[in-house]
């Protein structure tokens, strides 16, 4: 049997629908923010890992050859270092052959 909804019932139903739509939008925004935070955190961890790997290769070079390499290309050619230059900007500076190089890795 069909019964018509009263204006109060229609208003309550409309309010529930609006509340559900607002909740769904808020949930999507929160999910987007969370995924962005995870992505940024992963890029930062990747940069820290690359920096550590470069310093380890430089230390190995200094232990074997007696001095730190003058540039990053030397490590890539002779110590099998592989770095994704498309995703990261790497600044490798050596002040002297007997000091640890300064390495800065930044995500693009």
PDB file of N, CA and C in Angstrom:
ATOM      1  N   UNK A   1       0.829  -1.167   0.000  1.00  0.00           N
ATOM      2  CA  UNK A   1       0.000   0.000   0.000  1.00  0.00           C
ATOM      3  C   UNK A   1       0.886   1.247   0.000  1.00  0.00           C
ATOM      4  N   UNK A   2       0.514   2.196  -0.787  1.00  0.00           N
ATOM      5  CA  UNK A   2       1.300   3.413  -0.932  1.00  0.00           C
ATOM      6  C   UNK A   2       0.772   4.485  -0.002  1.00  0.00           C
ATOM      7  N   UNK A   3       1.730   5.091   0.711  1.00  0.00           N
ATOM      8  CA  UNK A   3       1.358   6.243   1.544  1.00  0.00           C
ATOM      9  C   UNK A   3       2.276   7.395   1.171  1.00  0.00           C
ATOM     10  N   UNK A   4       1.702   8.552   1.110  1.00  0.00           N
ATOM     11  CA  UNK A   4       2.502   9.727   0.788  1.00  0.00           C
ATOM     12  C   UNK A   4       3.331  10.133   1.990  1.00  0.00           C
ATOM     13  N   UNK A   5       4.487  10.665   1.683  1.00  0.00           N
ATOM     14  CA  UNK A   5       5.339  11.162   2.760  1.00  0.00           C
ATOM     15  C   UNK A   5       4.870  12.554   3.140  1.00  0.00           C
ATOM     16  N   UNK A   6       4.931  12.785   4.400  1.00  0.00           N
ATOM     17  CA  UNK A   6       4.564  14.112   4.880  1.00  0.00           C
ATOM     18  C   UNK A   6       5.713  15.072   4.591  1.00  0.00           C
ATOM     19  N   UNK A   7       5.476  16.352   4.583  1.00  0.00           N
ATOM     20  CA  UNK A   7       6.563  17.311   4.360  1.00  0.00           C
ATOM     21  C   UNK A   7       7.694  17.158   5.373  1.00  0.00           C
ATOM     22  N   UNK A   8       7.374  16.782   6.595  1.00  0.00           N
ATOM     23  CA  UNK A   8       8.421  16.572   7.599  1.00  0.00           C
ATOM     24  C   UNK A   8       9.294  15.374   7.234  1.00  0.00           C
ATOM     25  N   UNK A   9       8.664  14.307   6.735  1.00  0.00           N
ATOM     26  CA  UNK A   9       9.418  13.129   6.332  1.00  0.00           C
ATOM     27  C   UNK A   9      10.294  13.429   5.113  1.00  0.00           C
ATOM     28  N   UNK A  10       9.757  14.196   4.179  1.00  0.00           N
ATOM     29  CA  UNK A  10      10.532  14.574   3.006  1.00  0.00           C
ATOM     30  C   UNK A  10      11.733  15.425   3.407  1.00  0.00           C
ATOM     31  N   UNK A  11      11.503  16.349   4.331  1.00  0.00           N
ATOM     32  CA  UNK A  11      12.588  17.209   4.800  1.00  0.00           C
ATOM     33  C   UNK A  11      13.650  16.392   5.534  1.00  0.00           C
ATOM     34  N   UNK A  12      13.229  15.440   6.369  1.00  0.00           N
ATOM     35  CA  UNK A  12      14.173  14.593   7.100  1.00  0.00           C
ATOM     36  C   UNK A  12      14.984  13.738   6.125  1.00  0.00           C
ATOM     37  N   UNK A  13      14.318  13.214   5.104  1.00  0.00           N
ATOM     38  CA  UNK A  13      15.019  12.397   4.115  1.00  0.00           C
ATOM     39  C   UNK A  13      16.034  13.240   3.337  1.00  0.00           C
ATOM     40  N   UNK A  14      15.649  14.440   2.954  1.00  0.00           N
ATOM     41  CA  UNK A  14      16.552  15.340   2.241  1.00  0.00           C
ATOM     42  C   UNK A  14      17.746  15.707   3.121  1.00  0.00           C
ATOM     43  N   UNK A  15      17.496  15.963   4.398  1.00  0.00           N
ATOM     44  CA  UNK A  15      18.587  16.298   5.327  1.00  0.00           C
ATOM     45  C   UNK A  15      19.556  15.129   5.500  1.00  0.00           C
ATOM     46  N   UNK A  16      19.035  13.902   5.561  1.00  0.00           N
ATOM     47  CA  UNK A  16      19.906  12.726   5.660  1.00  0.00           C
ATOM     48  C   UNK A  16      20.758  12.581   4.402  1.00  0.00           C
ATOM     49  N   UNK A  17      20.155  12.806   3.246  1.00  0.00           N
ATOM     50  CA  UNK A  17      20.895  12.718   1.989  1.00  0.00           C
ATOM     51  C   UNK A  17      21.998  13.768   1.937  1.00  0.00           C
ATOM     52  N   UNK A  18      21.700  14.984   2.335  1.00  0.00           N
ATOM     53  CA  UNK A  18      22.702  16.058   2.343  1.00  0.00           C
ATOM     54  C   UNK A  18      23.821  15.726   3.320  1.00  0.00           C
ATOM     55  N   UNK A  19      23.473  15.232   4.504  1.00  0.00           N
ATOM     56  CA  UNK A  19      24.489  14.871   5.496  1.00  0.00           C
ATOM     57  C   UNK A  19      25.382  13.755   4.966  1.00  0.00           C
ATOM     58  N   UNK A  20      24.787  12.777   4.305  1.00  0.00           N
ATOM     59  CA  UNK A  20      25.568  11.679   3.736  1.00  0.00           C
ATOM     60  C   UNK A  20      26.494  12.187   2.628  1.00  0.00           C
ATOM     61  N   UNK A  21      26.011  13.091   1.791  1.00  0.00           N
ATOM     62  CA  UNK A  21      26.837  13.648   0.719  1.00  0.00           C
ATOM     63  C   UNK A  21      27.999  14.456   1.298  1.00  0.00           C
ATOM     64  N   UNK A  22      27.744  15.251   2.327  1.00  0.00           N
ATOM     65  CA  UNK A  22      28.804  16.036   2.962  1.00  0.00           C
ATOM     66  C   UNK A  22      29.830  15.110   3.601  1.00  0.00           C
ATOM     67  N   UNK A  23      29.359  14.050   4.262  1.00  0.00           N
ATOM     68  CA  UNK A  23      30.266  13.088   4.884  1.00  0.00           C
ATOM     69  C   UNK A  23      31.129  12.397   3.829  1.00  0.00           C
ATOM     70  N   UNK A  24      30.528  12.015   2.705  1.00  0.00           N
ATOM     71  CA  UNK A  24      31.285  11.354   1.635  1.00  0.00           C
ATOM     72  C   UNK A  24      32.339  12.299   1.060  1.00  0.00           C
ATOM     73  N   UNK A  25      31.991  13.563   0.868  1.00  0.00           N
ATOM     74  CA  UNK A  25      32.970  14.540   0.357  1.00  0.00           C
ATOM     75  C   UNK A  25      34.108  14.737   1.350  1.00  0.00           C
ATOM     76  N   UNK A  26      33.774  14.843   2.630  1.00  0.00           N
ATOM     77  CA  UNK A  26      34.808  15.009   3.654  1.00  0.00           C
ATOM     78  C   UNK A  26      35.722  13.789   3.694  1.00  0.00           C
ATOM     79  N   UNK A  27      35.145  12.615   3.540  1.00  0.00           N
ATOM     80  CA  UNK A  27      35.937  11.388   3.533  1.00  0.00           C
ATOM     81  C   UNK A  27      36.883  11.353   2.330  1.00  0.00           C
ATOM     82  N   UNK A  28      36.411  11.772   1.166  1.00  0.00           N
ATOM     83  CA  UNK A  28      37.272  11.814  -0.021  1.00  0.00           C
ATOM     84  C   UNK A  28      38.399  12.828   0.138  1.00  0.00           C
ATOM     85  N   UNK A  29      38.101  13.981   0.714  1.00  0.00           N
ATOM     86  CA  UNK A  29      39.140  14.990   0.945  1.00  0.00           C
ATOM     87  C   UNK A  29      40.181  14.451   1.922  1.00  0.00           C
ATOM     88  N   UNK A  30      39.729  13.813   3.005  1.00  0.00           N
ATOM     89  CA  UNK A  30      40.660  13.248   3.988  1.00  0.00           C
ATOM     90  C   UNK A  30      41.525  12.162   3.350  1.00  0.00           C
ATOM     91  N   UNK A  31      40.940  11.342   2.502  1.00  0.00           N
ATOM     92  CA  UNK A  31      41.700  10.294   1.817  1.00  0.00           C
ATOM     93  C   UNK A  31      42.747  10.906   0.887  1.00  0.00           C
ATOM     94  N   UNK A  32      42.375  11.955   0.174  1.00  0.00           N
ATOM     95  CA  UNK A  32      43.329  12.631  -0.705  1.00  0.00           C
ATOM     96  C   UNK A  32      44.492  13.222   0.070  1.00  0.00           C
ATOM     97  N   UNK A  33      44.208  13.852   1.198  1.00  0.00           N
ATOM     98  CA  UNK A  33      45.264  14.431   2.031  1.00  0.00           C
ATOM     99  C   UNK A  33      46.178  13.334   2.564  1.00  0.00           C
ATOM    100  N   UNK A  34      45.601  12.234   3.013  1.00  0.00           N
ATOM    101  CA  UNK A  34      46.392  11.123   3.544  1.00  0.00           C
ATOM    102  C   UNK A  34      47.307  10.533   2.470  1.00  0.00           C
ATOM    103  N   UNK A  35      46.775  10.323   1.277  1.00  0.00           N
ATOM    104  CA  UNK A  35      47.599   9.770   0.197  1.00  0.00           C
ATOM    105  C   UNK A  35      48.724  10.723  -0.183  1.00  0.00           C
ATOM    106  N   UNK A  36      48.456  12.018  -0.175  1.00  0.00           N
ATOM    107  CA  UNK A  36      49.498  13.003  -0.469  1.00  0.00           C
ATOM    108  C   UNK A  36      50.594  12.962   0.593  1.00  0.00           C
ATOM    109  N   UNK A  37      50.206  12.850   1.856  1.00  0.00           N
ATOM    110  CA  UNK A  37      51.195  12.780   2.935  1.00  0.00           C
ATOM    111  C   UNK A  37      52.055  11.531   2.800  1.00  0.00           C
ATOM    112  N   UNK A  38      51.449  10.417   2.440  1.00  0.00           N
ATOM    113  CA  UNK A  38      52.196   9.170   2.264  1.00  0.00           C
ATOM    114  C   UNK A  38      53.182   9.312   1.105  1.00  0.00           C
ATOM    115  N   UNK A  39      52.744   9.917   0.006  1.00  0.00           N
ATOM    116  CA  UNK A  39      53.610  10.098  -1.157  1.00  0.00           C
ATOM    117  C   UNK A  39      54.804  10.985  -0.824  1.00  0.00           C
ATOM    118  N   UNK A  40      54.556  12.094  -0.133  1.00  0.00           N
ATOM    119  CA  UNK A  40      55.641  13.014   0.236  1.00  0.00           C
ATOM    120  C   UNK A  40      56.610  12.324   1.188  1.00  0.00           C
ATOM    121  N   UNK A  41      56.082  11.566   2.145  1.00  0.00           N
ATOM    122  CA  UNK A  41      56.934  10.853   3.094  1.00  0.00           C
ATOM    123  C   UNK A  41      57.809   9.822   2.376  1.00  0.00           C
ATOM    124  N   UNK A  42      57.233   9.129   1.410  1.00  0.00           N
ATOM    125  CA  UNK A  42      58.007   8.130   0.659  1.00  0.00           C
ATOM    126  C   UNK A  42      59.117   8.792  -0.148  1.00  0.00           C
ATOM    127  N   UNK A  43      58.839   9.953  -0.742  1.00  0.00           N
ATOM    128  CA  UNK A  43      59.876  10.666  -1.498  1.00  0.00           C
ATOM    129  C   UNK A  43      61.001  11.124  -0.573  1.00  0.00           C
ATOM    130  N   UNK A  44      60.647  11.617   0.611  1.00  0.00           N
ATOM    131  CA  UNK A  44      61.669  12.060   1.565  1.00  0.00           C
ATOM    132  C   UNK A  44      62.518  10.886   2.052  1.00  0.00           C
ATOM    133  N   UNK A  45      61.876   9.750   2.317  1.00  0.00           N
ATOM    134  CA  UNK A  45      62.627   8.572   2.744  1.00  0.00           C
ATOM    135  C   UNK A  45      63.537   8.082   1.623  1.00  0.00           C
ATOM    136  N   UNK A  46      63.061   8.165   0.387  1.00  0.00           N
ATOM    137  CA  UNK A  46      63.891   7.783  -0.750  1.00  0.00           C
ATOM    138  C   UNK A  46      65.114   8.678  -0.873  1.00  0.00           C
ATOM    139  N   UNK A  47      64.928   9.976  -0.650  1.00  0.00           N
ATOM    140  CA  UNK A  47      66.052  10.918  -0.713  1.00  0.00           C
ATOM    141  C   UNK A  47      67.072  10.616   0.380  1.00  0.00           C
ATOM    142  N   UNK A  48      66.598  10.320   1.584  1.00  0.00           N
ATOM    143  CA  UNK A  48      67.512   9.988   2.681  1.00  0.00           C
ATOM    144  C   UNK A  48      68.270   8.696   2.383  1.00  0.00           C
ATOM    145  N   UNK A  49      67.588   7.728   1.796  1.00  0.00           N
ATOM    146  CA  UNK A  49      68.234   6.461   1.448  1.00  0.00           C
ATOM    147  C   UNK A  49      69.301   6.659   0.369  1.00  0.00           C
ATOM    148  N   UNK A  50      69.002   7.477  -0.625  1.00  0.00           N
ATOM    149  CA  UNK A  50      69.980   7.743  -1.685  1.00  0.00           C
ATOM    150  C   UNK A  50      71.194   8.458  -1.117  1.00  0.00           C
ATOM    151  N   UNK A  51      70.969   9.432  -0.236  1.00  0.00           N
ATOM    152  CA  UNK A  51      72.088  10.158   0.382  1.00  0.00           C
ATOM    153  C   UNK A  51      72.984   9.195   1.156  1.00  0.00           C
ATOM    154  N   UNK A  52      72.365   8.311   1.920  1.00  0.00           N
ATOM    155  CA  UNK A  52      73.128   7.329   2.690  1.00  0.00           C
ATOM    156  C   UNK A  52      73.925   6.404   1.767  1.00  0.00           C
ATOM    157  N   UNK A  53      73.328   5.983   0.674  1.00  0.00           N
ATOM    158  CA  UNK A  53      74.009   5.104  -0.278  1.00  0.00           C
ATOM    159  C   UNK A  53      75.199   5.806  -0.927  1.00  0.00           C
ATOM    160  N   UNK A  54      75.021   7.076  -1.277  1.00  0.00           N
ATOM    161  CA  UNK A  54      76.122   7.837  -1.884  1.00  0.00           C
ATOM    162  C   UNK A  54      77.271   7.984  -0.893  1.00  0.00           C
ATOM    163  N   UNK A  55      76.947   8.303   0.355  1.00  0.00           N
ATOM    164  CA  UNK A  55      78.004   8.448   1.365  1.00  0.00           C
ATOM    165  C   UNK A  55      78.706   7.120   1.629  1.00  0.00           C
ATOM    166  N   UNK A  56      77.945   6.021   1.636  1.00  0.00           N
ATOM    167  CA  UNK A  56      78.565   4.699   1.818  1.00  0.00           C
ATOM    168  C   UNK A  56      79.534   4.385   0.677  1.00  0.00           C
ATOM    169  N   UNK A  57      79.121   4.684  -0.554  1.00  0.00           N
ATOM    170  CA  UNK A  57      80.005   4.436  -1.698  1.00  0.00           C
ATOM    171  C   UNK A  57      81.243   5.320  -1.628  1.00  0.00           C
ATOM    172  N   UNK A  58      81.078   6.567  -1.183  1.00  0.00           N
ATOM    173  CA  UNK A  58      82.230   7.466  -1.047  1.00  0.00           C
ATOM    174  C   UNK A  58      83.183   6.960   0.029  1.00  0.00           C
ATOM    175  N   UNK A  59      82.639   6.450   1.135  1.00  0.00           N
ATOM    176  CA  UNK A  59      83.482   5.894   2.203  1.00  0.00           C
ATOM    177  C   UNK A  59      84.240   4.669   1.704  1.00  0.00           C
ATOM    178  N   UNK A  60      83.554   3.834   0.938  1.00  0.00           N
ATOM    179  CA  UNK A  60      84.212   2.650   0.387  1.00  0.00           C
ATOM    180  C   UNK A  60      85.342   3.062  -0.554  1.00  0.00           C
ATOM    181  N   UNK A  61      85.095   4.058  -1.371  1.00  0.00           N
ATOM    182  CA  UNK A  61      86.129   4.562  -2.282  1.00  0.00           C
ATOM    183  C   UNK A  61      87.320   5.101  -1.494  1.00  0.00           C
ATOM    184  N   UNK A  62      87.050   5.852  -0.428  1.00  0.00           N
ATOM    185  CA  UNK A  62      88.140   6.411   0.383  1.00  0.00           C
ATOM    186  C   UNK A  62      88.934   5.302   1.061  1.00  0.00           C
ATOM    187  N   UNK A  63      88.240   4.241   1.491  1.00  0.00           N
ATOM    188  CA  UNK A  63      88.938   3.139   2.149  1.00  0.00           C
ATOM    189  C   UNK A  63      89.825   2.376   1.165  1.00  0.00           C
ATOM    190  N   UNK A  64      89.364   2.225  -0.058  1.00  0.00           N
ATOM    191  CA  UNK A  64      90.122   1.460  -1.048  1.00  0.00           C
ATOM    192  C   UNK A  64      91.223   2.295  -1.694  1.00  0.00           C
ATOM    193  N   UNK A  65      90.889   3.522  -2.083  1.00  0.00           N
ATOM    194  CA  UNK A  65      91.816   4.334  -2.875  1.00  0.00           C
ATOM    195  C   UNK A  65      92.576   5.380  -2.065  1.00  0.00           C
ATOM    196  N   UNK A  66      92.156   5.629  -0.847  1.00  0.00           N
ATOM    197  CA  UNK A  66      92.876   6.581  -0.008  1.00  0.00           C
ATOM    198  C   UNK A  66      92.383   8.011  -0.085  1.00  0.00           C
ATOM    199  N   UNK A  67      91.406   8.293  -0.935  1.00  0.00           N
ATOM    200  CA  UNK A  67      90.836   9.644  -1.005  1.00  0.00           C
ATOM    201  C   UNK A  67      89.387   9.544  -1.474  1.00  0.00           C
ATOM    202  N   UNK A  68      88.624  10.577  -1.142  1.00  0.00           N
ATOM    203  CA  UNK A  68      87.225  10.601  -1.557  1.00  0.00           C
ATOM    204  C   UNK A  68      87.135  10.970  -3.035  1.00  0.00           C
ATOM    205  N   UNK A  69      86.127  10.458  -3.734  1.00  0.00           N
ATOM    206  CA  UNK A  69      85.992  10.779  -5.158  1.00  0.00           C
ATOM    207  C   UNK A  69      85.656  12.258  -5.360  1.00  0.00           C
ATOM    208  N   UNK A  70      86.094  12.796  -6.475  1.00  0.00           N
ATOM    209  CA  UNK A  70      85.890  14.223  -6.731  1.00  0.00           C
ATOM    210  C   UNK A  70      84.502  14.550  -7.257  1.00  0.00           C
ATOM    211  N   UNK A  71      83.821  13.560  -7.821  1.00  0.00           N
ATOM    212  CA  UNK A  71      82.467  13.822  -8.315  1.00  0.00           C
ATOM    213  C   UNK A  71      81.621  12.559  -8.248  1.00  0.00           C
ATOM    214  N   UNK A  72      80.333  12.743  -8.437  1.00  0.00           N
ATOM    215  CA  UNK A  72      79.386  11.635  -8.350  1.00  0.00           C
ATOM    216  C   UNK A  72      79.538  10.675  -9.530  1.00  0.00           C
ATOM    217  N   UNK A  73      79.907  11.186 -10.670  1.00  0.00           N
ATOM    218  CA  UNK A  73      80.070  10.336 -11.858  1.00  0.00           C
ATOM    219  C   UNK A  73      81.135   9.267 -11.634  1.00  0.00           C
ATOM    220  N   UNK A  74      82.171   9.587 -10.877  1.00  0.00           N
ATOM    221  CA  UNK A  74      83.216   8.603 -10.583  1.00  0.00           C
ATOM    222  C   UNK A  74      82.635   7.427  -9.796  1.00  0.00           C
ATOM    223  N   UNK A  75      81.766   7.729  -8.833  1.00  0.00           N
ATOM    224  CA  UNK A  75      81.126   6.655  -8.063  1.00  0.00           C
ATOM    225  C   UNK A  75      80.196   5.835  -8.951  1.00  0.00           C
ATOM    226  N   UNK A  76      79.491   6.496  -9.855  1.00  0.00           N
ATOM    227  CA  UNK A  76      78.581   5.777 -10.744  1.00  0.00           C
ATOM    228  C   UNK A  76      79.345   4.875 -11.714  1.00  0.00           C
ATOM    229  N   UNK A  77      80.483   5.327 -12.167  1.00  0.00           N
ATOM    230  CA  UNK A  77      81.258   4.546 -13.134  1.00  0.00           C
ATOM    231  C   UNK A  77      82.035   3.399 -12.490  1.00  0.00           C
ATOM    232  N   UNK A  78      82.641   3.649 -11.335  1.00  0.00           N
ATOM    233  CA  UNK A  78      83.569   2.676 -10.756  1.00  0.00           C
ATOM    234  C   UNK A  78      83.035   1.891  -9.559  1.00  0.00           C
ATOM    235  N   UNK A  79      81.988   2.357  -8.921  1.00  0.00           N
ATOM    236  CA  UNK A  79      81.483   1.677  -7.727  1.00  0.00           C
ATOM    237  C   UNK A  79      80.035   1.232  -7.879  1.00  0.00           C
ATOM    238  N   UNK A  80      79.573   1.116  -9.107  1.00  0.00           N
ATOM    239  CA  UNK A  80      78.254   0.567  -9.430  1.00  0.00           C
ATOM    240  C   UNK A  80      77.125   1.288  -8.690  1.00  0.00           C
ATOM    241  N   UNK A  81      77.254   2.583  -8.554  1.00  0.00           N
ATOM    242  CA  UNK A  81      76.209   3.390  -7.928  1.00  0.00           C
ATOM    243  C   UNK A  81      75.186   3.760  -8.995  1.00  0.00           C
ATOM    244  N   UNK A  82      73.909   3.503  -8.719  1.00  0.00           N
ATOM    245  CA  UNK A  82      72.833   3.843  -9.646  1.00  0.00           C
ATOM    246  C   UNK A  82      71.894   4.811  -8.945  1.00  0.00           C
ATOM    247  N   UNK A  83      71.710   5.991  -9.553  1.00  0.00           N
ATOM    248  CA  UNK A  83      70.856   7.023  -8.981  1.00  0.00           C
ATOM    249  C   UNK A  83      69.864   7.475 -10.045  1.00  0.00           C
ATOM    250  N   UNK A  84      68.615   7.647  -9.655  1.00  0.00           N
ATOM    251  CA  UNK A  84      67.585   8.123 -10.567  1.00  0.00           C
ATOM    252  C   UNK A  84      67.643   9.652 -10.615  1.00  0.00           C
ATOM    253  N   UNK A  85      68.316  10.175 -11.611  1.00  0.00           N
ATOM    254  CA  UNK A  85      68.474  11.627 -11.725  1.00  0.00           C
ATOM    255  C   UNK A  85      67.194  12.310 -12.201  1.00  0.00           C
ATOM    256  N   UNK A  86      66.234  11.538 -12.700  1.00  0.00           N
ATOM    257  CA  UNK A  86      64.959  12.126 -13.121  1.00  0.00           C
ATOM    258  C   UNK A  86      64.080  12.486 -11.926  1.00  0.00           C
ATOM    259  N   UNK A  87      64.193  11.731 -10.839  1.00  0.00           N
ATOM    260  CA  UNK A  87      63.348  11.962  -9.669  1.00  0.00           C
ATOM    261  C   UNK A  87      64.030  12.757  -8.563  1.00  0.00           C
ATOM    262  N   UNK A  88      65.350  12.835  -8.581  1.00  0.00           N
ATOM    263  CA  UNK A  88      66.078  13.494  -7.494  1.00  0.00           C
ATOM    264  C   UNK A  88      67.146  14.435  -8.040  1.00  0.00           C
ATOM    265  N   UNK A  89      67.329  15.543  -7.339  1.00  0.00           N
ATOM    266  CA  UNK A  89      68.425  16.471  -7.620  1.00  0.00           C
ATOM    267  C   UNK A  89      69.504  16.185  -6.586  1.00  0.00           C
ATOM    268  N   UNK A  90      70.722  15.938  -7.049  1.00  0.00           N
ATOM    269  CA  UNK A  90      71.810  15.576  -6.141  1.00  0.00           C
ATOM    270  C   UNK A  90      72.921  16.606  -6.252  1.00  0.00           C
ATOM    271  N   UNK A  91      73.295  17.145  -5.104  1.00  0.00           N
ATOM    272  CA  UNK A  91      74.413  18.087  -5.035  1.00  0.00           C
ATOM    273  C   UNK A  91      75.531  17.380  -4.278  1.00  0.00           C
ATOM    274  N   UNK A  92      76.647  17.170  -4.950  1.00  0.00           N
ATOM    275  CA  UNK A  92      77.796  16.458  -4.387  1.00  0.00           C
ATOM    276  C   UNK A  92      78.979  17.414  -4.418  1.00  0.00           C
ATOM    277  N   UNK A  93      79.449  17.828  -3.242  1.00  0.00           N
ATOM    278  CA  UNK A  93      80.553  18.786  -3.162  1.00  0.00           C
ATOM    279  C   UNK A  93      81.682  18.216  -2.315  1.00  0.00           C
ATOM    280  N   UNK A  94      82.899  18.336  -2.835  1.00  0.00           N
ATOM    281  CA  UNK A  94      84.084  17.885  -2.113  1.00  0.00           C
ATOM    282  C   UNK A  94      84.973  19.094  -1.868  1.00  0.00           C
ATOM    283  N   UNK A  95      85.340  19.327  -0.606  1.00  0.00           N
ATOM    284  CA  UNK A  95      86.235  20.438  -0.283  1.00  0.00           C
ATOM    285  C   UNK A  95      87.690  20.031  -0.460  1.00  0.00           C
ATOM    286  N   UNK A  96      88.007  18.819  -0.027  1.00  0.00           N
ATOM    287  CA  UNK A  96      89.368  18.291  -0.158  1.00  0.00           C
ATOM    288  C   UNK A  96      89.260  16.778  -0.276  1.00  0.00           C
ATOM    289  N   UNK A  97      90.316  16.165  -0.781  1.00  0.00           N
ATOM    290  CA  UNK A  97      90.256  14.721  -1.004  1.00  0.00           C
ATOM    291  C   UNK A  97      90.272  13.915   0.289  1.00  0.00           C
ATOM    292  N   UNK A  98      90.601  14.568   1.419  1.00  0.00           N
ATOM    293  CA  UNK A  98      90.649  13.837   2.688  1.00  0.00           C
ATOM    294  C   UNK A  98      89.483  14.188   3.612  1.00  0.00           C
ATOM    295  N   UNK A  99      88.473  14.915   3.113  1.00  0.00           N
ATOM    296  CA  UNK A  99      87.292  15.233   3.926  1.00  0.00           C
ATOM    297  C   UNK A  99      86.061  14.585   3.308  1.00  0.00           C
ATOM    298  N   UNK A 100      85.114  14.266   4.165  1.00  0.00           N
ATOM    299  CA  UNK A 100      83.872  13.638   3.710  1.00  0.00           C
ATOM    300  C   UNK A 100      83.102  14.640   2.838  1.00  0.00           C
ATOM    301  N   UNK A 101      82.629  14.205   1.687  1.00  0.00           N
ATOM    302  CA  UNK A 101      81.914  15.125   0.802  1.00  0.00           C
ATOM    303  C   UNK A 101      80.558  15.532   1.381  1.00  0.00           C
ATOM    304  N   UNK A 102      80.096  16.682   0.953  1.00  0.00           N
ATOM    305  CA  UNK A 102      78.766  17.155   1.318  1.00  0.00           C
ATOM    306  C   UNK A 102      77.787  16.655   0.260  1.00  0.00           C
ATOM    307  N   UNK A 103      76.762  15.941   0.701  1.00  0.00           N
ATOM    308  CA  UNK A 103      75.783  15.377  -0.228  1.00  0.00           C
ATOM    309  C   UNK A 103      74.400  15.873   0.168  1.00  0.00           C
ATOM    310  N   UNK A 104      73.713  16.488  -0.787  1.00  0.00           N
ATOM    311  CA  UNK A 104      72.334  16.934  -0.587  1.00  0.00           C
ATOM    312  C   UNK A 104      71.494  16.284  -1.673  1.00  0.00           C
ATOM    313  N   UNK A 105      70.423  15.597  -1.260  1.00  0.00           N
ATOM    314  CA  UNK A 105      69.516  14.947  -2.205  1.00  0.00           C
ATOM    315  C   UNK A 105      68.127  15.530  -1.982  1.00  0.00           C
ATOM    316  N   UNK A 106      67.542  16.062  -3.052  1.00  0.00           N
ATOM    317  CA  UNK A 106      66.209  16.658  -2.970  1.00  0.00           C
ATOM    318  C   UNK A 106      65.294  16.023  -4.009  1.00  0.00           C
ATOM    319  N   UNK A 107      64.087  15.653  -3.614  1.00  0.00           N
ATOM    320  CA  UNK A 107      63.133  15.153  -4.611  1.00  0.00           C
ATOM    321  C   UNK A 107      62.723  16.269  -5.564  1.00  0.00           C
ATOM    322  N   UNK A 108      62.506  15.909  -6.807  1.00  0.00           N
ATOM    323  CA  UNK A 108      62.036  16.909  -7.786  1.00  0.00           C
ATOM    324  C   UNK A 108      60.575  17.166  -7.585  1.00  0.00           C
TER     325      UNK A 108
END
